[in-house]
N, C-alpha and C. Protein backbone atom coordinates (compact mmCIF):
# COMPACT_ATOMS: atom_id res chain seq x y z
N MET A 1 0.82 -1.19 0.00
CA MET A 1 0.00 0.00 0.00
C MET A 1 0.87 1.26 0.00
N LYS A 2 1.96 1.24 0.80
CA LYS A 2 2.85 2.36 0.88
C LYS A 2 3.50 2.64 -0.48
N ASN A 3 3.91 1.56 -1.20
CA ASN A 3 4.51 1.72 -2.52
C ASN A 3 3.52 2.30 -3.52
N LEU A 4 2.27 1.91 -3.41
CA LEU A 4 1.24 2.40 -4.31
C LEU A 4 1.02 3.92 -4.10
N ILE A 5 1.02 4.32 -2.87
CA ILE A 5 0.86 5.75 -2.57
C ILE A 5 2.06 6.54 -3.10
N ILE A 6 3.26 6.00 -2.93
CA ILE A 6 4.47 6.67 -3.42
C ILE A 6 4.42 6.78 -4.94
N ARG A 7 3.97 5.72 -5.64
CA ARG A 7 3.85 5.76 -7.10
C ARG A 7 2.85 6.83 -7.53
N TYR A 8 1.69 6.86 -6.89
CA TYR A 8 0.68 7.86 -7.24
C TYR A 8 1.20 9.28 -7.01
N LEU A 9 1.89 9.47 -5.90
CA LEU A 9 2.45 10.80 -5.63
C LEU A 9 3.52 11.16 -6.64
N SER A 10 4.34 10.20 -7.04
CA SER A 10 5.37 10.45 -8.05
C SER A 10 4.75 10.84 -9.38
N VAL A 11 3.74 10.11 -9.81
CA VAL A 11 3.04 10.42 -11.06
C VAL A 11 2.39 11.80 -10.96
N PHE A 12 1.77 12.07 -9.81
CA PHE A 12 1.10 13.35 -9.60
C PHE A 12 2.11 14.50 -9.71
N PHE A 13 3.27 14.38 -9.05
CA PHE A 13 4.28 15.45 -9.11
C PHE A 13 4.88 15.58 -10.50
N PHE A 14 5.03 14.48 -11.23
CA PHE A 14 5.53 14.54 -12.60
C PHE A 14 4.57 15.32 -13.49
N ILE A 15 3.28 15.01 -13.36
CA ILE A 15 2.26 15.71 -14.16
C ILE A 15 2.25 17.20 -13.83
N ILE A 16 2.33 17.52 -12.55
CA ILE A 16 2.30 18.93 -12.13
C ILE A 16 3.52 19.66 -12.65
N THR A 17 4.70 19.10 -12.53
CA THR A 17 5.91 19.80 -12.97
C THR A 17 5.99 19.91 -14.48
N SER A 18 5.52 18.92 -15.20
CA SER A 18 5.56 19.02 -16.67
C SER A 18 4.48 19.97 -17.18
N ALA A 19 3.36 20.08 -16.50
CA ALA A 19 2.29 20.99 -16.92
C ALA A 19 2.67 22.43 -16.65
N CYS A 20 3.56 22.68 -15.71
CA CYS A 20 3.92 24.05 -15.34
C CYS A 20 5.20 24.52 -16.02
N SER A 21 5.70 23.79 -16.99
CA SER A 21 6.92 24.23 -17.67
C SER A 21 6.65 25.51 -18.44
N GLU A 22 7.69 26.35 -18.53
CA GLU A 22 7.53 27.64 -19.19
C GLU A 22 7.49 27.46 -20.70
N ASP A 23 6.66 28.27 -21.31
CA ASP A 23 6.55 28.31 -22.76
C ASP A 23 7.69 29.17 -23.29
N ASP A 24 8.39 28.69 -24.32
CA ASP A 24 9.50 29.45 -24.88
C ASP A 24 9.03 30.76 -25.52
N ASN A 25 7.86 30.76 -26.12
CA ASN A 25 7.32 31.95 -26.79
C ASN A 25 5.92 32.25 -26.27
N PRO A 26 5.84 32.75 -25.04
CA PRO A 26 4.50 33.02 -24.52
C PRO A 26 3.86 34.19 -25.27
N ASP A 27 2.57 34.11 -25.47
CA ASP A 27 1.84 35.21 -26.09
C ASP A 27 1.74 36.34 -25.08
N PRO A 28 1.95 37.57 -25.54
CA PRO A 28 1.78 38.68 -24.59
C PRO A 28 0.32 38.77 -24.17
N PRO A 29 0.07 39.22 -22.96
CA PRO A 29 -1.32 39.35 -22.54
C PRO A 29 -2.06 40.34 -23.42
N LEU A 30 -3.31 40.06 -23.69
CA LEU A 30 -4.10 40.96 -24.51
C LEU A 30 -4.31 42.27 -23.78
N LYS A 31 -4.21 43.35 -24.53
CA LYS A 31 -4.43 44.66 -23.95
C LYS A 31 -5.82 45.13 -24.37
N TYR A 32 -6.56 45.61 -23.41
CA TYR A 32 -7.89 46.12 -23.69
C TYR A 32 -7.93 47.57 -23.26
N PHE A 33 -8.05 48.47 -24.21
CA PHE A 33 -8.00 49.89 -23.90
C PHE A 33 -9.18 50.66 -24.45
N TYR A 34 -10.18 49.98 -24.95
CA TYR A 34 -11.35 50.67 -25.51
C TYR A 34 -12.28 51.10 -24.38
N GLY A 35 -12.93 52.23 -24.58
CA GLY A 35 -13.89 52.70 -23.59
C GLY A 35 -13.91 54.21 -23.52
N ASN A 36 -14.46 54.71 -22.43
CA ASN A 36 -14.59 56.15 -22.20
C ASN A 36 -13.49 56.60 -21.25
N TYR A 37 -12.93 57.75 -21.54
CA TYR A 37 -11.83 58.31 -20.76
C TYR A 37 -12.16 59.73 -20.35
N ASN A 38 -11.61 60.14 -19.22
CA ASN A 38 -11.71 61.51 -18.74
C ASN A 38 -10.33 62.13 -18.77
N LEU A 39 -10.26 63.41 -19.11
CA LEU A 39 -8.99 64.13 -19.10
C LEU A 39 -8.53 64.27 -17.66
N GLN A 40 -7.28 63.88 -17.39
CA GLN A 40 -6.72 63.99 -16.05
C GLN A 40 -5.68 65.11 -15.97
N ALA A 41 -4.91 65.29 -17.06
CA ALA A 41 -3.84 66.29 -17.02
C ALA A 41 -3.51 66.76 -18.43
N ILE A 42 -3.03 68.00 -18.50
CA ILE A 42 -2.43 68.53 -19.72
C ILE A 42 -1.10 69.12 -19.27
N THR A 43 0.00 68.61 -19.81
CA THR A 43 1.31 69.10 -19.40
C THR A 43 2.09 69.57 -20.61
N GLY A 44 2.78 70.71 -20.43
CA GLY A 44 3.67 71.22 -21.45
C GLY A 44 5.04 70.60 -21.28
N GLY A 45 5.77 70.49 -22.36
CA GLY A 45 7.10 69.89 -22.31
C GLY A 45 8.10 70.71 -21.53
N ILE A 46 7.79 72.00 -21.32
CA ILE A 46 8.66 72.86 -20.52
C ILE A 46 7.77 73.73 -19.63
N SER A 47 8.35 74.32 -18.61
CA SER A 47 7.60 75.26 -17.77
C SER A 47 7.44 76.57 -18.52
N MET A 48 6.22 77.04 -18.55
CA MET A 48 5.91 78.31 -19.22
C MET A 48 4.82 79.01 -18.42
N ASP A 49 4.71 80.31 -18.65
CA ASP A 49 3.58 81.07 -18.12
C ASP A 49 2.55 81.13 -19.23
N PHE A 50 1.56 80.24 -19.16
CA PHE A 50 0.55 80.13 -20.20
C PHE A 50 -0.57 81.15 -20.04
N ASN A 51 -0.74 81.71 -18.82
CA ASN A 51 -1.92 82.54 -18.58
C ASN A 51 -1.60 83.94 -18.05
N ASN A 52 -0.36 84.38 -18.16
CA ASN A 52 0.06 85.73 -17.80
C ASN A 52 -0.17 86.03 -16.31
N ASN A 53 0.11 85.03 -15.45
CA ASN A 53 -0.01 85.27 -14.02
C ASN A 53 1.36 85.47 -13.36
N GLY A 54 2.42 85.48 -14.18
CA GLY A 54 3.76 85.72 -13.66
C GLY A 54 4.46 84.48 -13.14
N GLN A 55 3.81 83.33 -13.20
CA GLN A 55 4.41 82.09 -12.70
C GLN A 55 4.51 81.09 -13.84
N SER A 56 5.64 80.43 -13.90
CA SER A 56 5.81 79.41 -14.94
C SER A 56 5.54 78.03 -14.35
N SER A 57 4.94 77.18 -15.18
CA SER A 57 4.58 75.84 -14.75
C SER A 57 4.43 74.96 -15.99
N PRO A 58 4.72 73.65 -15.86
CA PRO A 58 4.42 72.75 -16.98
C PRO A 58 2.95 72.29 -16.95
N ASN A 59 2.21 72.65 -15.88
CA ASN A 59 0.84 72.19 -15.70
C ASN A 59 -0.12 73.10 -16.47
N LEU A 60 -0.29 72.80 -17.75
CA LEU A 60 -1.14 73.62 -18.62
C LEU A 60 -2.60 73.53 -18.19
N LEU A 61 -3.05 72.38 -17.70
CA LEU A 61 -4.44 72.24 -17.29
C LEU A 61 -4.80 73.23 -16.19
N SER A 62 -3.97 73.34 -15.15
CA SER A 62 -4.29 74.27 -14.06
C SER A 62 -4.22 75.72 -14.54
N GLU A 63 -3.31 76.02 -15.46
CA GLU A 63 -3.20 77.38 -16.00
C GLU A 63 -4.47 77.74 -16.78
N ILE A 64 -4.96 76.81 -17.59
CA ILE A 64 -6.19 77.06 -18.36
C ILE A 64 -7.38 77.19 -17.42
N GLU A 65 -7.48 76.28 -16.45
CA GLU A 65 -8.62 76.32 -15.52
C GLU A 65 -8.60 77.58 -14.66
N GLU A 66 -7.41 78.12 -14.38
CA GLU A 66 -7.32 79.37 -13.63
C GLU A 66 -7.93 80.52 -14.44
N LEU A 67 -7.75 80.45 -15.75
CA LEU A 67 -8.29 81.49 -16.64
C LEU A 67 -9.77 81.29 -16.94
N GLN A 68 -10.17 80.08 -17.23
CA GLN A 68 -11.46 79.81 -17.84
C GLN A 68 -12.40 78.94 -17.03
N GLY A 69 -11.98 78.42 -15.91
CA GLY A 69 -12.82 77.52 -15.14
C GLY A 69 -12.51 76.07 -15.48
N GLU A 70 -13.16 75.16 -14.77
CA GLU A 70 -12.90 73.73 -14.91
C GLU A 70 -13.23 73.22 -16.31
N LEU A 71 -12.32 72.40 -16.83
CA LEU A 71 -12.51 71.79 -18.15
C LEU A 71 -13.14 70.41 -17.99
N THR A 72 -14.01 70.08 -18.91
CA THR A 72 -14.57 68.73 -18.95
C THR A 72 -14.32 68.22 -20.37
N ILE A 73 -13.19 67.53 -20.52
CA ILE A 73 -12.85 66.96 -21.82
C ILE A 73 -12.84 65.45 -21.66
N ARG A 74 -13.48 64.80 -22.58
CA ARG A 74 -13.57 63.34 -22.55
C ARG A 74 -13.04 62.77 -23.86
N MET A 75 -12.76 61.49 -23.81
CA MET A 75 -12.36 60.78 -25.03
C MET A 75 -13.14 59.48 -25.09
N ALA A 76 -13.62 59.18 -26.28
CA ALA A 76 -14.24 57.87 -26.53
C ALA A 76 -13.30 57.12 -27.45
N PHE A 77 -12.93 55.90 -27.05
CA PHE A 77 -12.06 55.05 -27.85
C PHE A 77 -12.86 53.81 -28.21
N THR A 78 -13.27 53.71 -29.45
CA THR A 78 -14.14 52.62 -29.88
C THR A 78 -13.40 51.64 -30.78
N ASN A 79 -13.90 50.42 -30.78
CA ASN A 79 -13.33 49.38 -31.64
C ASN A 79 -14.45 48.70 -32.39
N ASP A 80 -14.99 49.39 -33.36
CA ASP A 80 -15.98 48.76 -34.24
C ASP A 80 -15.31 48.50 -35.58
N ASN A 81 -14.15 47.83 -35.50
CA ASN A 81 -13.28 47.53 -36.64
C ASN A 81 -12.58 48.76 -37.19
N THR A 82 -12.63 49.88 -36.47
CA THR A 82 -11.93 51.08 -36.92
C THR A 82 -10.89 51.57 -35.93
N GLU A 83 -10.97 51.18 -34.66
CA GLU A 83 -10.11 51.69 -33.60
C GLU A 83 -10.04 53.22 -33.71
N GLU A 84 -11.11 53.84 -33.28
CA GLU A 84 -11.29 55.28 -33.44
C GLU A 84 -11.27 55.98 -32.08
N MET A 85 -10.53 57.11 -32.01
CA MET A 85 -10.48 57.95 -30.82
C MET A 85 -11.10 59.30 -31.15
N ASN A 86 -12.00 59.77 -30.31
CA ASN A 86 -12.58 61.10 -30.44
C ASN A 86 -12.29 61.87 -29.17
N PHE A 87 -11.59 63.00 -29.29
CA PHE A 87 -11.21 63.80 -28.14
C PHE A 87 -10.95 65.22 -28.63
N SER A 88 -10.63 66.12 -27.72
CA SER A 88 -10.27 67.50 -28.07
C SER A 88 -8.92 67.85 -27.47
N ILE A 89 -8.19 68.69 -28.18
CA ILE A 89 -6.99 69.29 -27.63
C ILE A 89 -7.30 70.78 -27.44
N MET A 90 -6.55 71.44 -26.58
CA MET A 90 -6.78 72.85 -26.31
C MET A 90 -5.87 73.68 -27.21
N GLU A 91 -6.49 74.58 -27.96
CA GLU A 91 -5.76 75.41 -28.91
C GLU A 91 -5.70 76.84 -28.38
N ALA A 92 -4.51 77.43 -28.38
CA ALA A 92 -4.33 78.81 -27.94
C ALA A 92 -4.73 79.75 -29.07
N ASN A 93 -5.77 80.55 -28.82
CA ASN A 93 -6.27 81.50 -29.81
C ASN A 93 -6.12 82.92 -29.28
N VAL A 94 -5.63 83.81 -30.12
CA VAL A 94 -5.50 85.21 -29.74
C VAL A 94 -6.86 85.87 -29.89
N GLN A 95 -7.39 86.41 -28.78
CA GLN A 95 -8.67 87.11 -28.80
C GLN A 95 -8.48 88.55 -29.22
N THR A 96 -7.47 89.18 -28.67
CA THR A 96 -7.14 90.57 -28.98
C THR A 96 -5.73 90.82 -28.44
N GLU A 97 -5.25 92.03 -28.57
CA GLU A 97 -3.95 92.40 -28.01
C GLU A 97 -4.12 93.65 -27.17
N PHE A 98 -3.32 93.74 -26.12
CA PHE A 98 -3.31 94.92 -25.27
C PHE A 98 -1.86 95.36 -25.12
N GLU A 99 -1.54 96.54 -25.64
CA GLU A 99 -0.18 97.08 -25.62
C GLU A 99 0.83 96.08 -26.17
N GLY A 100 0.47 95.44 -27.27
CA GLY A 100 1.35 94.50 -27.95
C GLY A 100 1.40 93.10 -27.35
N VAL A 101 0.67 92.87 -26.26
CA VAL A 101 0.67 91.55 -25.61
C VAL A 101 -0.65 90.86 -25.97
N PRO A 102 -0.57 89.63 -26.50
CA PRO A 102 -1.81 88.95 -26.90
C PRO A 102 -2.63 88.51 -25.68
N ILE A 103 -3.93 88.60 -25.82
CA ILE A 103 -4.85 88.06 -24.84
C ILE A 103 -5.29 86.71 -25.41
N ILE A 104 -4.96 85.62 -24.71
CA ILE A 104 -5.15 84.26 -25.21
C ILE A 104 -6.39 83.64 -24.57
N ARG A 105 -7.14 82.94 -25.38
CA ARG A 105 -8.25 82.10 -24.91
C ARG A 105 -7.98 80.71 -25.45
N PHE A 106 -8.13 79.70 -24.61
CA PHE A 106 -7.91 78.32 -25.04
C PHE A 106 -9.25 77.72 -25.43
N SER A 107 -9.31 77.19 -26.64
CA SER A 107 -10.55 76.60 -27.15
C SER A 107 -10.33 75.13 -27.45
N PRO A 108 -11.33 74.30 -27.16
CA PRO A 108 -11.19 72.87 -27.51
C PRO A 108 -11.27 72.68 -29.03
N LEU A 109 -10.35 71.92 -29.56
CA LEU A 109 -10.31 71.60 -30.98
C LEU A 109 -10.61 70.11 -31.11
N PRO A 110 -11.81 69.74 -31.60
CA PRO A 110 -12.16 68.32 -31.72
C PRO A 110 -11.27 67.60 -32.73
N ILE A 111 -10.83 66.41 -32.34
CA ILE A 111 -9.97 65.59 -33.19
C ILE A 111 -10.56 64.19 -33.25
N ARG A 112 -10.47 63.61 -34.41
CA ARG A 112 -10.91 62.23 -34.63
C ARG A 112 -9.72 61.48 -35.22
N THR A 113 -9.27 60.43 -34.54
CA THR A 113 -8.12 59.68 -35.03
C THR A 113 -8.49 58.21 -35.21
N PHE A 114 -7.84 57.60 -36.16
CA PHE A 114 -7.96 56.16 -36.39
C PHE A 114 -6.57 55.58 -36.19
N VAL A 115 -6.46 54.58 -35.31
CA VAL A 115 -5.17 54.04 -34.93
C VAL A 115 -5.16 52.53 -35.06
N THR A 116 -3.97 51.98 -35.00
CA THR A 116 -3.76 50.54 -34.90
C THR A 116 -2.78 50.32 -33.76
N PHE A 117 -3.04 49.29 -32.95
CA PHE A 117 -2.11 48.99 -31.86
C PHE A 117 -1.21 47.85 -32.30
N ASP A 118 0.09 48.08 -32.29
CA ASP A 118 1.09 47.07 -32.63
C ASP A 118 1.49 46.33 -31.36
N GLN A 119 1.00 45.09 -31.20
CA GLN A 119 1.27 44.29 -30.00
C GLN A 119 2.77 44.05 -29.81
N GLN A 120 3.49 43.81 -30.91
CA GLN A 120 4.92 43.50 -30.81
C GLN A 120 5.72 44.69 -30.28
N LYS A 121 5.42 45.88 -30.79
CA LYS A 121 6.15 47.09 -30.37
C LYS A 121 5.49 47.78 -29.18
N ASP A 122 4.27 47.32 -28.81
CA ASP A 122 3.53 47.90 -27.70
C ASP A 122 3.31 49.40 -27.91
N GLU A 123 2.86 49.75 -29.13
CA GLU A 123 2.63 51.16 -29.44
C GLU A 123 1.48 51.33 -30.42
N PHE A 124 0.93 52.54 -30.42
CA PHE A 124 -0.13 52.89 -31.36
C PHE A 124 0.49 53.51 -32.61
N ILE A 125 -0.13 53.20 -33.74
CA ILE A 125 0.27 53.78 -35.02
C ILE A 125 -0.92 54.58 -35.54
N LEU A 126 -0.69 55.85 -35.82
CA LEU A 126 -1.75 56.70 -36.36
C LEU A 126 -1.95 56.38 -37.83
N ARG A 127 -3.20 56.01 -38.17
CA ARG A 127 -3.53 55.73 -39.57
C ARG A 127 -4.12 56.95 -40.26
N GLU A 128 -4.97 57.67 -39.53
CA GLU A 128 -5.63 58.85 -40.11
C GLU A 128 -6.06 59.77 -38.98
N GLN A 129 -6.08 61.05 -39.28
CA GLN A 129 -6.55 62.06 -38.33
C GLN A 129 -7.46 63.02 -39.05
N ILE A 130 -8.57 63.37 -38.40
CA ILE A 130 -9.51 64.34 -38.97
C ILE A 130 -9.69 65.44 -37.94
N PRO A 131 -9.40 66.69 -38.27
CA PRO A 131 -8.90 67.18 -39.54
C PRO A 131 -7.47 66.69 -39.78
N SER A 132 -7.14 66.48 -41.04
CA SER A 132 -5.84 65.90 -41.37
C SER A 132 -4.69 66.87 -41.11
N VAL A 133 -4.95 68.16 -41.24
CA VAL A 133 -3.93 69.17 -40.98
C VAL A 133 -4.46 70.12 -39.91
N LEU A 134 -3.67 70.32 -38.88
CA LEU A 134 -4.02 71.26 -37.81
C LEU A 134 -3.13 72.48 -37.95
N GLU A 135 -3.73 73.65 -37.78
CA GLU A 135 -2.98 74.89 -37.98
C GLU A 135 -1.88 75.09 -36.94
N ASN A 136 -2.17 74.81 -35.67
CA ASN A 136 -1.21 75.10 -34.60
C ASN A 136 -0.79 73.87 -33.80
N ALA A 137 -0.95 72.69 -34.38
CA ALA A 137 -0.57 71.48 -33.65
C ALA A 137 -0.19 70.38 -34.63
N GLU A 138 0.69 69.50 -34.19
CA GLU A 138 1.09 68.36 -35.01
C GLU A 138 1.18 67.12 -34.12
N PHE A 139 0.53 66.05 -34.56
CA PHE A 139 0.51 64.80 -33.80
C PHE A 139 1.93 64.29 -33.60
N GLN A 140 2.21 63.78 -32.38
CA GLN A 140 3.50 63.18 -32.06
C GLN A 140 3.38 61.70 -31.75
N GLN A 141 2.55 61.35 -30.74
CA GLN A 141 2.45 59.95 -30.35
C GLN A 141 1.29 59.70 -29.40
N ILE A 142 0.91 58.42 -29.31
CA ILE A 142 -0.05 57.94 -28.33
C ILE A 142 0.65 56.83 -27.56
N VAL A 143 0.67 56.95 -26.24
CA VAL A 143 1.36 55.98 -25.40
C VAL A 143 0.34 55.33 -24.46
N LEU A 144 0.34 54.01 -24.44
CA LEU A 144 -0.46 53.27 -23.48
C LEU A 144 0.37 53.18 -22.20
N VAL A 145 0.03 54.02 -21.22
CA VAL A 145 0.79 54.08 -19.97
C VAL A 145 0.52 52.81 -19.16
N ASP A 146 -0.74 52.46 -19.03
CA ASP A 146 -1.15 51.22 -18.41
C ASP A 146 -2.54 50.90 -18.95
N GLN A 147 -3.18 49.87 -18.45
CA GLN A 147 -4.47 49.43 -18.99
C GLN A 147 -5.56 50.49 -18.87
N LEU A 148 -5.35 51.50 -18.06
CA LEU A 148 -6.38 52.52 -17.84
C LEU A 148 -5.99 53.91 -18.30
N THR A 149 -4.75 54.10 -18.74
CA THR A 149 -4.24 55.45 -18.99
C THR A 149 -3.59 55.56 -20.37
N LEU A 150 -3.98 56.61 -21.10
CA LEU A 150 -3.39 56.92 -22.40
C LEU A 150 -2.83 58.33 -22.38
N ASP A 151 -1.62 58.50 -22.91
CA ASP A 151 -1.04 59.83 -23.10
C ASP A 151 -1.01 60.12 -24.59
N ILE A 152 -1.57 61.25 -24.98
CA ILE A 152 -1.59 61.67 -26.38
C ILE A 152 -0.81 62.97 -26.46
N THR A 153 0.24 63.01 -27.30
CA THR A 153 1.11 64.17 -27.37
C THR A 153 1.04 64.83 -28.75
N TYR A 154 0.90 66.15 -28.71
CA TYR A 154 0.94 66.99 -29.90
C TYR A 154 2.00 68.06 -29.69
N SER A 155 2.74 68.42 -30.74
CA SER A 155 3.57 69.63 -30.70
C SER A 155 2.61 70.77 -30.99
N GLN A 156 2.56 71.74 -30.06
CA GLN A 156 1.59 72.81 -30.21
C GLN A 156 2.25 74.18 -30.05
N ARG A 157 1.65 75.14 -30.71
CA ARG A 157 2.08 76.53 -30.64
C ARG A 157 1.44 77.14 -29.39
N MET A 158 2.30 77.60 -28.46
CA MET A 158 1.84 78.21 -27.21
C MET A 158 2.62 79.50 -26.96
N TYR A 159 1.95 80.43 -26.30
CA TYR A 159 2.58 81.71 -25.99
C TYR A 159 3.10 81.69 -24.57
N ASN A 160 4.39 82.07 -24.40
CA ASN A 160 5.01 82.15 -23.09
C ASN A 160 5.07 83.62 -22.68
N TYR A 161 4.24 83.99 -21.70
CA TYR A 161 4.19 85.38 -21.26
C TYR A 161 5.47 85.82 -20.56
N LEU A 162 6.25 84.91 -19.98
CA LEU A 162 7.49 85.30 -19.32
C LEU A 162 8.54 85.77 -20.32
N THR A 163 8.55 85.18 -21.51
CA THR A 163 9.53 85.56 -22.53
C THR A 163 8.91 86.35 -23.67
N ASP A 164 7.59 86.55 -23.62
CA ASP A 164 6.85 87.28 -24.67
C ASP A 164 7.14 86.71 -26.06
N GLN A 165 7.00 85.38 -26.17
CA GLN A 165 7.21 84.78 -27.48
C GLN A 165 6.38 83.50 -27.65
N TRP A 166 6.07 83.23 -28.92
CA TRP A 166 5.38 81.99 -29.28
C TRP A 166 6.42 80.89 -29.40
N LEU A 167 6.11 79.74 -28.82
CA LEU A 167 6.99 78.58 -28.90
C LEU A 167 6.19 77.38 -29.37
N ILE A 168 6.86 76.44 -29.98
CA ILE A 168 6.24 75.15 -30.31
C ILE A 168 6.81 74.15 -29.32
N ILE A 169 5.90 73.59 -28.50
CA ILE A 169 6.33 72.68 -27.42
C ILE A 169 5.48 71.41 -27.47
N PRO A 170 6.01 70.30 -26.94
CA PRO A 170 5.18 69.10 -26.82
C PRO A 170 4.16 69.30 -25.69
N VAL A 171 2.90 69.00 -25.98
CA VAL A 171 1.83 69.09 -24.98
C VAL A 171 1.20 67.70 -24.89
N THR A 172 1.17 67.15 -23.68
CA THR A 172 0.66 65.80 -23.47
C THR A 172 -0.67 65.86 -22.73
N TYR A 173 -1.65 65.17 -23.30
CA TYR A 173 -2.98 65.06 -22.73
C TYR A 173 -3.09 63.66 -22.13
N ARG A 174 -3.30 63.59 -20.81
CA ARG A 174 -3.44 62.30 -20.14
C ARG A 174 -4.91 62.01 -19.92
N PHE A 175 -5.35 60.89 -20.49
CA PHE A 175 -6.73 60.43 -20.35
C PHE A 175 -6.74 59.16 -19.52
N VAL A 176 -7.68 59.09 -18.57
CA VAL A 176 -7.81 57.93 -17.70
C VAL A 176 -9.19 57.32 -17.92
N ARG A 177 -9.21 56.01 -18.17
CA ARG A 177 -10.46 55.33 -18.45
C ARG A 177 -11.31 55.26 -17.19
N GLY A 178 -12.60 55.49 -17.39
CA GLY A 178 -13.50 55.43 -16.26
C GLY A 178 -14.88 55.90 -16.66
N LEU A 179 -15.74 55.96 -15.68
CA LEU A 179 -17.09 56.43 -15.94
C LEU A 179 -17.06 57.90 -16.32
N LEU A 180 -17.96 58.27 -17.20
CA LEU A 180 -18.06 59.67 -17.56
C LEU A 180 -18.57 60.43 -16.36
N SER A 181 -17.86 61.47 -16.00
CA SER A 181 -18.27 62.24 -14.81
C SER A 181 -19.00 63.49 -15.19
């Protein structure tokens, strides 16, 4: 009886160890990033005074909200065989000038993009953007930060009140998946 139990245990451990062997080419886990997203942050690639308050910061979202109030920007990322993203970026528009200094208002510019996700490179590839040409912005990249967070970067024309000049800087929009608030 003792030998029979030892045989059964040996067979059991053999099956367990052979079933748990590592796969030489494991498939990467599937990434699921479709859904509704809320804007969490807008950051400039450098610290600037975006709103003429005398303080420089890379936090463009707080600078805009200080001027115009709370922003509610959302993104819908759908996969109906098109992998389509609909969102807005904030565009700096000159309303008027006062003593040679522009008065800037930030307006949402709706964008529609069609992308493909490359599993091997773990990156998004832009296939098409509508409008295809933006006057003051150029698409740079979309980064999947984690399963819930996407960073979308555009090079954008922004005015720095500290240096009194227009600059083209990278502006990153961070969207976090969740319920629409």
